[in-house]
Amino acid sequence: MAFADRTHIDRASQQAASRYRELTAGAAILLAAVIAALGLRQMVPTHAVAPIMVTLLFAGSAMAAGFALLSRRDRPRTLWLDLAGGLTFIGIIISAFIEPDQLANLVGASHHPR
């Protein structure tokens, strides 16, 4: 009765659902980063948004990696590590667009003449 075995169909649907959850989590990460950036624009000066956003993303990534290390099961650990990797990747991309003068203004070193 090998033709009546339907376990491979069930595994395929579980894999598709897992992939859907991963894509949804990735979209949620991007949406949260955009919402945080828009919120920061209202609270801090414009030149300080990018450095503060990158710092918050790296801090969130470190927290997610810490949760992954504390997790005992494989699925939540993978989810937390994916979240940490996504936040790190977004932070690196944003930091590539930061001008050095923005960082100098943030720490106050720009008041000195060159």
Protein backbone atom coordinates (compact mmCIF):
# COMPACT_ATOMS: atom_id res chain seq x y z
CA MET A 1 0.00 0.00 0.00
CA ALA A 2 2.82 2.39 -0.78
CA PHE A 3 0.57 4.42 -3.07
CA ALA A 4 -1.71 5.22 -0.09
CA ASP A 5 1.15 6.72 1.91
CA ARG A 6 0.50 10.46 2.09
CA THR A 7 3.22 11.50 4.56
CA HIS A 8 5.27 13.18 1.82
CA ILE A 9 2.34 15.49 1.04
CA ASP A 10 2.06 16.49 4.69
CA ARG A 11 5.80 17.25 4.89
CA ALA A 12 5.62 19.40 1.77
CA SER A 13 2.77 21.47 3.17
CA GLN A 14 4.67 21.94 6.46
CA GLN A 15 7.74 23.13 4.55
CA ALA A 16 5.63 25.56 2.53
CA ALA A 17 4.04 26.91 5.71
CA SER A 18 7.48 27.28 7.29
CA ARG A 19 8.76 29.18 4.26
CA TYR A 20 5.69 31.43 4.37
CA ARG A 21 6.38 32.19 8.05
CA GLU A 22 10.00 33.05 7.25
CA LEU A 23 8.97 35.45 4.49
CA THR A 24 6.36 37.02 6.73
CA ALA A 25 8.93 37.48 9.50
CA GLY A 26 11.34 39.11 7.02
CA ALA A 27 8.66 41.51 5.84
CA ALA A 28 7.77 42.31 9.46
CA ILE A 29 11.43 43.10 10.21
CA LEU A 30 11.63 45.51 7.29
CA LEU A 31 8.34 47.14 8.24
CA ALA A 32 9.45 47.57 11.85
CA ALA A 33 12.72 49.17 10.70
CA VAL A 34 10.87 51.65 8.48
CA ILE A 35 8.39 52.53 11.24
CA ALA A 36 11.25 53.03 13.72
CA ALA A 37 13.10 55.28 11.27
CA LEU A 38 10.00 57.38 10.68
CA GLY A 39 9.42 57.66 14.42
CA LEU A 40 13.03 58.66 15.03
CA ARG A 41 12.77 61.41 12.42
CA GLN A 42 10.21 63.15 14.61
CA MET A 43 12.24 62.87 17.83
CA VAL A 44 15.89 63.53 16.86
CA PRO A 45 17.65 65.85 14.42
CA THR A 46 17.75 64.66 10.84
CA HIS A 47 21.53 64.19 10.75
CA ALA A 48 21.38 61.87 13.79
CA VAL A 49 18.66 59.49 12.56
CA ALA A 50 20.92 57.09 10.65
CA PRO A 51 23.57 56.57 13.38
CA ILE A 52 20.92 56.11 16.07
CA MET A 53 18.94 53.73 13.85
CA VAL A 54 22.04 51.63 13.16
CA THR A 55 22.86 51.51 16.87
CA LEU A 56 19.32 50.37 17.71
CA LEU A 57 19.41 47.73 14.98
CA PHE A 58 22.71 46.31 16.23
CA ALA A 59 21.41 46.31 19.82
CA GLY A 60 18.26 44.49 18.71
CA SER A 61 20.38 42.03 16.79
CA ALA A 62 22.48 41.32 19.86
CA MET A 63 19.35 40.75 21.95
CA ALA A 64 17.89 38.39 19.34
CA ALA A 65 21.16 36.45 19.21
CA GLY A 66 21.11 36.22 23.00
CA PHE A 67 17.58 34.81 22.91
CA ALA A 68 18.75 32.30 20.30
CA LEU A 69 21.55 31.15 22.55
CA LEU A 70 19.12 30.75 25.45
CA SER A 71 16.60 28.80 23.36
CA ARG A 72 16.69 25.04 23.80
CA ARG A 73 14.66 23.99 20.76
CA ASP A 74 15.87 24.20 17.16
CA ARG A 75 12.93 26.02 15.53
CA PRO A 76 12.83 29.03 17.88
CA ARG A 77 16.63 29.18 17.79
CA THR A 78 16.58 29.37 13.99
CA LEU A 79 13.91 32.07 14.08
CA TRP A 80 15.89 34.17 16.55
CA LEU A 81 19.11 33.73 14.58
CA ASP A 82 17.30 34.73 11.37
CA LEU A 83 15.96 37.81 13.13
CA ALA A 84 19.45 38.71 14.38
CA GLY A 85 20.91 38.24 10.92
CA GLY A 86 18.20 40.35 9.31
CA LEU A 87 18.67 43.20 11.77
CA THR A 88 22.44 43.07 11.33
CA PHE A 89 22.12 43.10 7.56
CA ILE A 90 19.78 46.11 7.62
CA GLY A 91 22.14 47.89 10.03
CA ILE A 92 25.14 47.30 7.77
CA ILE A 93 23.26 48.57 4.73
CA ILE A 94 22.17 51.73 6.55
CA SER A 95 25.66 52.32 7.94
CA ALA A 96 27.07 52.27 4.41
CA PHE A 97 25.07 55.43 3.71
CA ILE A 98 26.23 57.33 6.81
CA GLU A 99 28.59 60.17 6.04
CA PRO A 100 31.55 60.62 8.42
CA ASP A 101 30.41 64.18 9.17
CA GLN A 102 27.16 62.81 10.59
CA LEU A 103 29.07 60.74 13.13
CA ALA A 104 31.36 63.65 13.94
CA ASN A 105 28.35 65.88 14.58
CA LEU A 106 26.81 63.20 16.77
CA VAL A 107 29.80 62.96 19.13
CA GLY A 108 30.59 66.66 19.01
CA ALA A 109 34.00 66.50 17.32
CA SER A 110 32.90 68.75 14.44
CA HIS A 111 33.37 71.95 16.46
CA HIS A 112 37.13 71.73 16.03
CA PRO A 113 38.59 73.32 12.88
CA ARG A 114 40.47 70.99 10.56
